[in-house]
Amino acid sequence: MASTTLRKTLRSRGHRVLIGVLVAARKAAGLNQREFADRLKRPRSFVGRIEAGERRVDVVEFIELARVLEVDPSQLFAKVLD
């Protein structure tokens, strides 16, 4: 059976696009990092590390982030794919 190796995605082009979409959605919601973190019930550093490209976002987290921003997760993800 052939093995498949996944590339590291942290700071990849796709990761930067994802971050850009999340930052734009946060700003469109009129939130700064602290306000967003408060709504997530997380420290501001959680949001800061994501936005700085230091932390990956898994699918479950992406859905949570989108819902807190009051954006449909599938519509937000579609922007990542564009």
PDB file of N, CA and C in Angstrom:
ATOM      1  N   MET A   1       0.841  -1.171   0.000  1.00  0.00           N
ATOM      2  CA  MET A   1       0.000   0.000   0.000  1.00  0.00           C
ATOM      3  C   MET A   1       0.893   1.244   0.000  1.00  0.00           C
ATOM      4  N   ALA A   2       0.639   2.157  -0.897  1.00  0.00           N
ATOM      5  CA  ALA A   2       1.433   3.380  -0.998  1.00  0.00           C
ATOM      6  C   ALA A   2       1.106   4.315   0.153  1.00  0.00           C
ATOM      7  N   SER A   3       2.131   4.954   0.669  1.00  0.00           N
ATOM      8  CA  SER A   3       1.894   5.911   1.747  1.00  0.00           C
ATOM      9  C   SER A   3       1.759   7.310   1.161  1.00  0.00           C
ATOM     10  N   THR A   4       0.944   8.101   1.785  1.00  0.00           N
ATOM     11  CA  THR A   4       0.748   9.483   1.372  1.00  0.00           C
ATOM     12  C   THR A   4       1.268  10.370   2.487  1.00  0.00           C
ATOM     13  N   THR A   5       2.049  11.359   2.117  1.00  0.00           N
ATOM     14  CA  THR A   5       2.595  12.280   3.093  1.00  0.00           C
ATOM     15  C   THR A   5       1.933  13.632   2.917  1.00  0.00           C
ATOM     16  N   LEU A   6       1.412  14.151   3.986  1.00  0.00           N
ATOM     17  CA  LEU A   6       0.830  15.485   3.955  1.00  0.00           C
ATOM     18  C   LEU A   6       1.923  16.503   4.205  1.00  0.00           C
ATOM     19  N   ARG A   7       1.875  17.582   3.422  1.00  0.00           N
ATOM     20  CA  ARG A   7       2.841  18.656   3.646  1.00  0.00           C
ATOM     21  C   ARG A   7       2.470  19.395   4.917  1.00  0.00           C
ATOM     22  N   LYS A   8       3.438  20.042   5.485  1.00  0.00           N
ATOM     23  CA  LYS A   8       3.147  20.914   6.616  1.00  0.00           C
ATOM     24  C   LYS A   8       2.373  22.101   6.081  1.00  0.00           C
ATOM     25  N   THR A   9       1.299  22.454   6.770  1.00  0.00           N
ATOM     26  CA  THR A   9       0.442  23.521   6.272  1.00  0.00           C
ATOM     27  C   THR A   9       0.622  24.833   7.003  1.00  0.00           C
ATOM     28  N   LEU A  10       1.245  24.812   8.161  1.00  0.00           N
ATOM     29  CA  LEU A  10       1.426  26.038   8.922  1.00  0.00           C
ATOM     30  C   LEU A  10       2.236  27.024   8.088  1.00  0.00           C
ATOM     31  N   ARG A  11       1.671  28.199   7.884  1.00  0.00           N
ATOM     32  CA  ARG A  11       2.273  29.284   7.101  1.00  0.00           C
ATOM     33  C   ARG A  11       2.344  28.998   5.601  1.00  0.00           C
ATOM     34  N   SER A  12       1.640  27.979   5.148  1.00  0.00           N
ATOM     35  CA  SER A  12       1.569  27.713   3.708  1.00  0.00           C
ATOM     36  C   SER A  12       0.644  28.756   3.066  1.00  0.00           C
ATOM     37  N   ARG A  13       0.608  28.793   1.743  1.00  0.00           N
ATOM     38  CA  ARG A  13      -0.263  29.729   1.043  1.00  0.00           C
ATOM     39  C   ARG A  13      -1.719  29.517   1.474  1.00  0.00           C
ATOM     40  N   GLY A  14      -2.157  28.277   1.514  1.00  0.00           N
ATOM     41  CA  GLY A  14      -3.525  27.980   1.920  1.00  0.00           C
ATOM     42  C   GLY A  14      -3.833  28.430   3.343  1.00  0.00           C
ATOM     43  N   HIS A  15      -2.860  28.264   4.222  1.00  0.00           N
ATOM     44  CA  HIS A  15      -3.030  28.686   5.611  1.00  0.00           C
ATOM     45  C   HIS A  15      -3.156  30.204   5.689  1.00  0.00           C
ATOM     46  N   ARG A  16      -2.340  30.908   4.909  1.00  0.00           N
ATOM     47  CA  ARG A  16      -2.417  32.372   4.887  1.00  0.00           C
ATOM     48  C   ARG A  16      -3.760  32.849   4.343  1.00  0.00           C
ATOM     49  N   VAL A  17      -4.294  32.151   3.351  1.00  0.00           N
ATOM     50  CA  VAL A  17      -5.619  32.501   2.816  1.00  0.00           C
ATOM     51  C   VAL A  17      -6.674  32.307   3.896  1.00  0.00           C
ATOM     52  N   LEU A  18      -6.631  31.187   4.597  1.00  0.00           N
ATOM     53  CA  LEU A  18      -7.576  30.914   5.679  1.00  0.00           C
ATOM     54  C   LEU A  18      -7.524  32.014   6.736  1.00  0.00           C
ATOM     55  N   ILE A  19      -6.331  32.397   7.130  1.00  0.00           N
ATOM     56  CA  ILE A  19      -6.172  33.457   8.133  1.00  0.00           C
ATOM     57  C   ILE A  19      -6.755  34.770   7.613  1.00  0.00           C
ATOM     58  N   GLY A  20      -6.463  35.078   6.365  1.00  0.00           N
ATOM     59  CA  GLY A  20      -6.994  36.309   5.782  1.00  0.00           C
ATOM     60  C   GLY A  20      -8.506  36.355   5.792  1.00  0.00           C
ATOM     61  N   VAL A  21      -9.132  35.228   5.494  1.00  0.00           N
ATOM     62  CA  VAL A  21     -10.593  35.147   5.499  1.00  0.00           C
ATOM     63  C   VAL A  21     -11.123  35.340   6.918  1.00  0.00           C
ATOM     64  N   LEU A  22     -10.485  34.711   7.888  1.00  0.00           N
ATOM     65  CA  LEU A  22     -10.931  34.846   9.280  1.00  0.00           C
ATOM     66  C   LEU A  22     -10.744  36.269   9.797  1.00  0.00           C
ATOM     67  N   VAL A  23      -9.619  36.886   9.484  1.00  0.00           N
ATOM     68  CA  VAL A  23      -9.369  38.268   9.931  1.00  0.00           C
ATOM     69  C   VAL A  23     -10.383  39.204   9.288  1.00  0.00           C
ATOM     70  N   ALA A  24     -10.641  39.035   7.997  1.00  0.00           N
ATOM     71  CA  ALA A  24     -11.615  39.892   7.312  1.00  0.00           C
ATOM     72  C   ALA A  24     -13.005  39.727   7.921  1.00  0.00           C
ATOM     73  N   ALA A  25     -13.376  38.493   8.265  1.00  0.00           N
ATOM     74  CA  ALA A  25     -14.689  38.245   8.871  1.00  0.00           C
ATOM     75  C   ALA A  25     -14.769  38.883  10.259  1.00  0.00           C
ATOM     76  N   ARG A  26     -13.683  38.793  11.018  1.00  0.00           N
ATOM     77  CA  ARG A  26     -13.671  39.419  12.353  1.00  0.00           C
ATOM     78  C   ARG A  26     -13.838  40.926  12.234  1.00  0.00           C
ATOM     79  N   LYS A  27     -13.089  41.511  11.322  1.00  0.00           N
ATOM     80  CA  LYS A  27     -13.175  42.963  11.140  1.00  0.00           C
ATOM     81  C   LYS A  27     -14.542  43.378  10.619  1.00  0.00           C
ATOM     82  N   ALA A  28     -15.120  42.589   9.711  1.00  0.00           N
ATOM     83  CA  ALA A  28     -16.460  42.884   9.187  1.00  0.00           C
ATOM     84  C   ALA A  28     -17.507  42.823  10.294  1.00  0.00           C
ATOM     85  N   ALA A  29     -17.245  41.981  11.292  1.00  0.00           N
ATOM     86  CA  ALA A  29     -18.151  41.878  12.442  1.00  0.00           C
ATOM     87  C   ALA A  29     -17.937  43.027  13.417  1.00  0.00           C
ATOM     88  N   GLY A  30     -16.937  43.856  13.148  1.00  0.00           N
ATOM     89  CA  GLY A  30     -16.661  45.006  14.006  1.00  0.00           C
ATOM     90  C   GLY A  30     -16.009  44.655  15.327  1.00  0.00           C
ATOM     91  N   LEU A  31     -15.256  43.544  15.338  1.00  0.00           N
ATOM     92  CA  LEU A  31     -14.628  43.082  16.575  1.00  0.00           C
ATOM     93  C   LEU A  31     -13.115  43.228  16.509  1.00  0.00           C
ATOM     94  N   ASN A  32     -12.519  43.613  17.636  1.00  0.00           N
ATOM     95  CA  ASN A  32     -11.071  43.518  17.727  1.00  0.00           C
ATOM     96  C   ASN A  32     -10.740  42.131  18.277  1.00  0.00           C
ATOM     97  N   GLN A  33      -9.457  41.811  18.362  1.00  0.00           N
ATOM     98  CA  GLN A  33      -9.072  40.472  18.823  1.00  0.00           C
ATOM     99  C   GLN A  33      -9.583  40.176  20.226  1.00  0.00           C
ATOM    100  N   ARG A  34      -9.509  41.141  21.115  1.00  0.00           N
ATOM    101  CA  ARG A  34      -9.954  40.912  22.497  1.00  0.00           C
ATOM    102  C   ARG A  34     -11.459  40.619  22.560  1.00  0.00           C
ATOM    103  N   GLU A  35     -12.242  41.391  21.830  1.00  0.00           N
ATOM    104  CA  GLU A  35     -13.692  41.182  21.827  1.00  0.00           C
ATOM    105  C   GLU A  35     -14.045  39.816  21.243  1.00  0.00           C
ATOM    106  N   PHE A  36     -13.345  39.440  20.176  1.00  0.00           N
ATOM    107  CA  PHE A  36     -13.570  38.130  19.563  1.00  0.00           C
ATOM    108  C   PHE A  36     -13.206  37.023  20.545  1.00  0.00           C
ATOM    109  N   ALA A  37     -12.070  37.165  21.191  1.00  0.00           N
ATOM    110  CA  ALA A  37     -11.632  36.170  22.180  1.00  0.00           C
ATOM    111  C   ALA A  37     -12.629  36.067  23.327  1.00  0.00           C
ATOM    112  N   ASP A  38     -13.141  37.212  23.779  1.00  0.00           N
ATOM    113  CA  ASP A  38     -14.138  37.196  24.859  1.00  0.00           C
ATOM    114  C   ASP A  38     -15.367  36.401  24.448  1.00  0.00           C
ATOM    115  N   ARG A  39     -15.815  36.601  23.226  1.00  0.00           N
ATOM    116  CA  ARG A  39     -16.990  35.855  22.748  1.00  0.00           C
ATOM    117  C   ARG A  39     -16.708  34.361  22.629  1.00  0.00           C
ATOM    118  N   LEU A  40     -15.461  34.040  22.324  1.00  0.00           N
ATOM    119  CA  LEU A  40     -15.061  32.632  22.229  1.00  0.00           C
ATOM    120  C   LEU A  40     -14.799  32.005  23.599  1.00  0.00           C
ATOM    121  N   LYS A  41     -14.728  32.878  24.627  1.00  0.00           N
ATOM    122  CA  LYS A  41     -14.366  32.443  25.981  1.00  0.00           C
ATOM    123  C   LYS A  41     -12.963  31.829  25.977  1.00  0.00           C
ATOM    124  N   ARG A  42     -12.067  32.527  25.271  1.00  0.00           N
ATOM    125  CA  ARG A  42     -10.668  32.128  25.154  1.00  0.00           C
ATOM    126  C   ARG A  42      -9.798  33.350  25.441  1.00  0.00           C
ATOM    127  N   PRO A  43      -8.529  33.142  25.748  1.00  0.00           N
ATOM    128  CA  PRO A  43      -7.637  34.299  25.928  1.00  0.00           C
ATOM    129  C   PRO A  43      -7.390  34.996  24.587  1.00  0.00           C
ATOM    130  N   ARG A  44      -7.060  36.288  24.644  1.00  0.00           N
ATOM    131  CA  ARG A  44      -6.778  37.039  23.422  1.00  0.00           C
ATOM    132  C   ARG A  44      -5.637  36.410  22.647  1.00  0.00           C
ATOM    133  N   SER A  45      -4.704  35.799  23.360  1.00  0.00           N
ATOM    134  CA  SER A  45      -3.559  35.166  22.700  1.00  0.00           C
ATOM    135  C   SER A  45      -3.989  34.028  21.771  1.00  0.00           C
ATOM    136  N   PHE A  46      -5.116  33.389  22.040  1.00  0.00           N
ATOM    137  CA  PHE A  46      -5.640  32.332  21.169  1.00  0.00           C
ATOM    138  C   PHE A  46      -5.920  32.914  19.786  1.00  0.00           C
ATOM    139  N   VAL A  47      -6.633  34.038  19.758  1.00  0.00           N
ATOM    140  CA  VAL A  47      -6.949  34.699  18.488  1.00  0.00           C
ATOM    141  C   VAL A  47      -5.670  35.248  17.863  1.00  0.00           C
ATOM    142  N   GLY A  48      -4.820  35.861  18.671  1.00  0.00           N
ATOM    143  CA  GLY A  48      -3.583  36.432  18.170  1.00  0.00           C
ATOM    144  C   GLY A  48      -2.684  35.410  17.510  1.00  0.00           C
ATOM    145  N   ARG A  49      -2.577  34.241  18.099  1.00  0.00           N
ATOM    146  CA  ARG A  49      -1.722  33.181  17.533  1.00  0.00           C
ATOM    147  C   ARG A  49      -2.290  32.656  16.218  1.00  0.00           C
ATOM    148  N   ILE A  50      -3.618  32.550  16.135  1.00  0.00           N
ATOM    149  CA  ILE A  50      -4.236  32.129  14.875  1.00  0.00           C
ATOM    150  C   ILE A  50      -3.933  33.160  13.799  1.00  0.00           C
ATOM    151  N   GLU A  51      -4.200  34.432  14.113  1.00  0.00           N
ATOM    152  CA  GLU A  51      -4.051  35.490  13.126  1.00  0.00           C
ATOM    153  C   GLU A  51      -2.601  35.752  12.747  1.00  0.00           C
ATOM    154  N   ALA A  52      -1.675  35.411  13.615  1.00  0.00           N
ATOM    155  CA  ALA A  52      -0.252  35.565  13.308  1.00  0.00           C
ATOM    156  C   ALA A  52       0.286  34.372  12.512  1.00  0.00           C
ATOM    157  N   GLY A  53      -0.551  33.367  12.304  1.00  0.00           N
ATOM    158  CA  GLY A  53      -0.119  32.191  11.561  1.00  0.00           C
ATOM    159  C   GLY A  53       0.683  31.210  12.380  1.00  0.00           C
ATOM    160  N   GLU A  54       0.615  31.338  13.707  1.00  0.00           N
ATOM    161  CA  GLU A  54       1.381  30.471  14.599  1.00  0.00           C
ATOM    162  C   GLU A  54       0.598  29.243  15.045  1.00  0.00           C
ATOM    163  N   ARG A  55      -0.676  29.205  14.714  1.00  0.00           N
ATOM    164  CA  ARG A  55      -1.533  28.119  15.184  1.00  0.00           C
ATOM    165  C   ARG A  55      -2.464  27.690  14.069  1.00  0.00           C
ATOM    166  N   ARG A  56      -2.587  26.392  13.883  1.00  0.00           N
ATOM    167  CA  ARG A  56      -3.543  25.863  12.911  1.00  0.00           C
ATOM    168  C   ARG A  56      -4.952  25.952  13.479  1.00  0.00           C
ATOM    169  N   VAL A  57      -5.922  25.920  12.582  1.00  0.00           N
ATOM    170  CA  VAL A  57      -7.335  25.898  12.970  1.00  0.00           C
ATOM    171  C   VAL A  57      -7.918  24.609  12.409  1.00  0.00           C
ATOM    172  N   ASP A  58      -8.461  23.763  13.280  1.00  0.00           N
ATOM    173  CA  ASP A  58      -9.080  22.550  12.765  1.00  0.00           C
ATOM    174  C   ASP A  58     -10.519  22.849  12.344  1.00  0.00           C
ATOM    175  N   VAL A  59     -11.170  21.889  11.744  1.00  0.00           N
ATOM    176  CA  VAL A  59     -12.514  22.086  11.192  1.00  0.00           C
ATOM    177  C   VAL A  59     -13.517  22.458  12.275  1.00  0.00           C
ATOM    178  N   VAL A  60     -13.469  21.805  13.404  1.00  0.00           N
ATOM    179  CA  VAL A  60     -14.407  22.091  14.492  1.00  0.00           C
ATOM    180  C   VAL A  60     -14.200  23.518  15.001  1.00  0.00           C
ATOM    181  N   GLU A  61     -12.938  23.919  15.144  1.00  0.00           N
ATOM    182  CA  GLU A  61     -12.647  25.288  15.575  1.00  0.00           C
ATOM    183  C   GLU A  61     -13.122  26.299  14.534  1.00  0.00           C
ATOM    184  N   PHE A  62     -12.913  25.994  13.252  1.00  0.00           N
ATOM    185  CA  PHE A  62     -13.348  26.895  12.189  1.00  0.00           C
ATOM    186  C   PHE A  62     -14.849  27.138  12.280  1.00  0.00           C
ATOM    187  N   ILE A  63     -15.601  26.081  12.495  1.00  0.00           N
ATOM    188  CA  ILE A  63     -17.058  26.207  12.621  1.00  0.00           C
ATOM    189  C   ILE A  63     -17.404  27.087  13.812  1.00  0.00           C
ATOM    190  N   GLU A  64     -16.743  26.870  14.947  1.00  0.00           N
ATOM    191  CA  GLU A  64     -16.980  27.683  16.137  1.00  0.00           C
ATOM    192  C   GLU A  64     -16.639  29.154  15.875  1.00  0.00           C
ATOM    193  N   LEU A  65     -15.505  29.402  15.233  1.00  0.00           N
ATOM    194  CA  LEU A  65     -15.097  30.771  14.933  1.00  0.00           C
ATOM    195  C   LEU A  65     -16.136  31.453  14.048  1.00  0.00           C
ATOM    196  N   ALA A  66     -16.571  30.765  13.010  1.00  0.00           N
ATOM    197  CA  ALA A  66     -17.562  31.335  12.099  1.00  0.00           C
ATOM    198  C   ALA A  66     -18.873  31.635  12.817  1.00  0.00           C
ATOM    199  N   ARG A  67     -19.326  30.717  13.626  1.00  0.00           N
ATOM    200  CA  ARG A  67     -20.604  30.923  14.324  1.00  0.00           C
ATOM    201  C   ARG A  67     -20.530  32.081  15.311  1.00  0.00           C
ATOM    202  N   VAL A  68     -19.412  32.221  15.993  1.00  0.00           N
ATOM    203  CA  VAL A  68     -19.246  33.345  16.915  1.00  0.00           C
ATOM    204  C   VAL A  68     -19.236  34.667  16.139  1.00  0.00           C
ATOM    205  N   LEU A  69     -18.720  34.622  14.919  1.00  0.00           N
ATOM    206  CA  LEU A  69     -18.724  35.808  14.059  1.00  0.00           C
ATOM    207  C   LEU A  69     -20.079  36.014  13.369  1.00  0.00           C
ATOM    208  N   GLU A  70     -20.999  35.088  13.635  1.00  0.00           N
ATOM    209  CA  GLU A  70     -22.346  35.114  13.056  1.00  0.00           C
ATOM    210  C   GLU A  70     -22.300  35.053  11.530  1.00  0.00           C
ATOM    211  N   VAL A  71     -21.423  34.176  11.037  1.00  0.00           N
ATOM    212  CA  VAL A  71     -21.277  33.921   9.612  1.00  0.00           C
ATOM    213  C   VAL A  71     -21.502  32.431   9.391  1.00  0.00           C
ATOM    214  N   ASP A  72     -22.197  32.085   8.318  1.00  0.00           N
ATOM    215  CA  ASP A  72     -22.408  30.683   7.999  1.00  0.00           C
ATOM    216  C   ASP A  72     -21.045  30.044   7.697  1.00  0.00           C
ATOM    217  N   PRO A  73     -20.675  28.978   8.411  1.00  0.00           N
ATOM    218  CA  PRO A  73     -19.353  28.367   8.210  1.00  0.00           C
ATOM    219  C   PRO A  73     -19.102  27.929   6.766  1.00  0.00           C
ATOM    220  N   SER A  74     -20.120  27.397   6.087  1.00  0.00           N
ATOM    221  CA  SER A  74     -19.908  26.943   4.716  1.00  0.00           C
ATOM    222  C   SER A  74     -19.673  28.116   3.774  1.00  0.00           C
ATOM    223  N   GLN A  75     -20.348  29.239   4.021  1.00  0.00           N
ATOM    224  CA  GLN A  75     -20.122  30.428   3.189  1.00  0.00           C
ATOM    225  C   GLN A  75     -18.738  31.003   3.452  1.00  0.00           C
ATOM    226  N   LEU A  76     -18.318  30.995   4.701  1.00  0.00           N
ATOM    227  CA  LEU A  76     -16.987  31.496   5.026  1.00  0.00           C
ATOM    228  C   LEU A  76     -15.926  30.598   4.415  1.00  0.00           C
ATOM    229  N   PHE A  77     -16.137  29.277   4.482  1.00  0.00           N
ATOM    230  CA  PHE A  77     -15.163  28.361   3.911  1.00  0.00           C
ATOM    231  C   PHE A  77     -15.093  28.491   2.396  1.00  0.00           C
ATOM    232  N   ALA A  78     -16.220  28.794   1.775  1.00  0.00           N
ATOM    233  CA  ALA A  78     -16.229  28.997   0.319  1.00  0.00           C
ATOM    234  C   ALA A  78     -15.262  30.115  -0.077  1.00  0.00           C
ATOM    235  N   LYS A  79     -15.115  31.117   0.789  1.00  0.00           N
ATOM    236  CA  LYS A  79     -14.171  32.206   0.513  1.00  0.00           C
ATOM    237  C   LYS A  79     -12.735  31.710   0.575  1.00  0.00           C
ATOM    238  N   VAL A  80     -12.479  30.713   1.404  1.00  0.00           N
ATOM    239  CA  VAL A  80     -11.142  30.126   1.477  1.00  0.00           C
ATOM    240  C   VAL A  80     -10.833  29.404   0.165  1.00  0.00           C
ATOM    241  N   LEU A  81     -11.842  28.778  -0.414  1.00  0.00           N
ATOM    242  CA  LEU A  81     -11.657  27.992  -1.637  1.00  0.00           C
ATOM    243  C   LEU A  81     -11.568  28.848  -2.887  1.00  0.00           C
ATOM    244  N   ASP A  82     -12.046  30.083  -2.835  1.00  0.00           N
ATOM    245  CA  ASP A  82     -12.028  30.961  -4.028  1.00  0.00           C
ATOM    246  C   ASP A  82     -10.635  31.258  -4.497  1.00  0.00           C
TER     247      ASP A  82
END
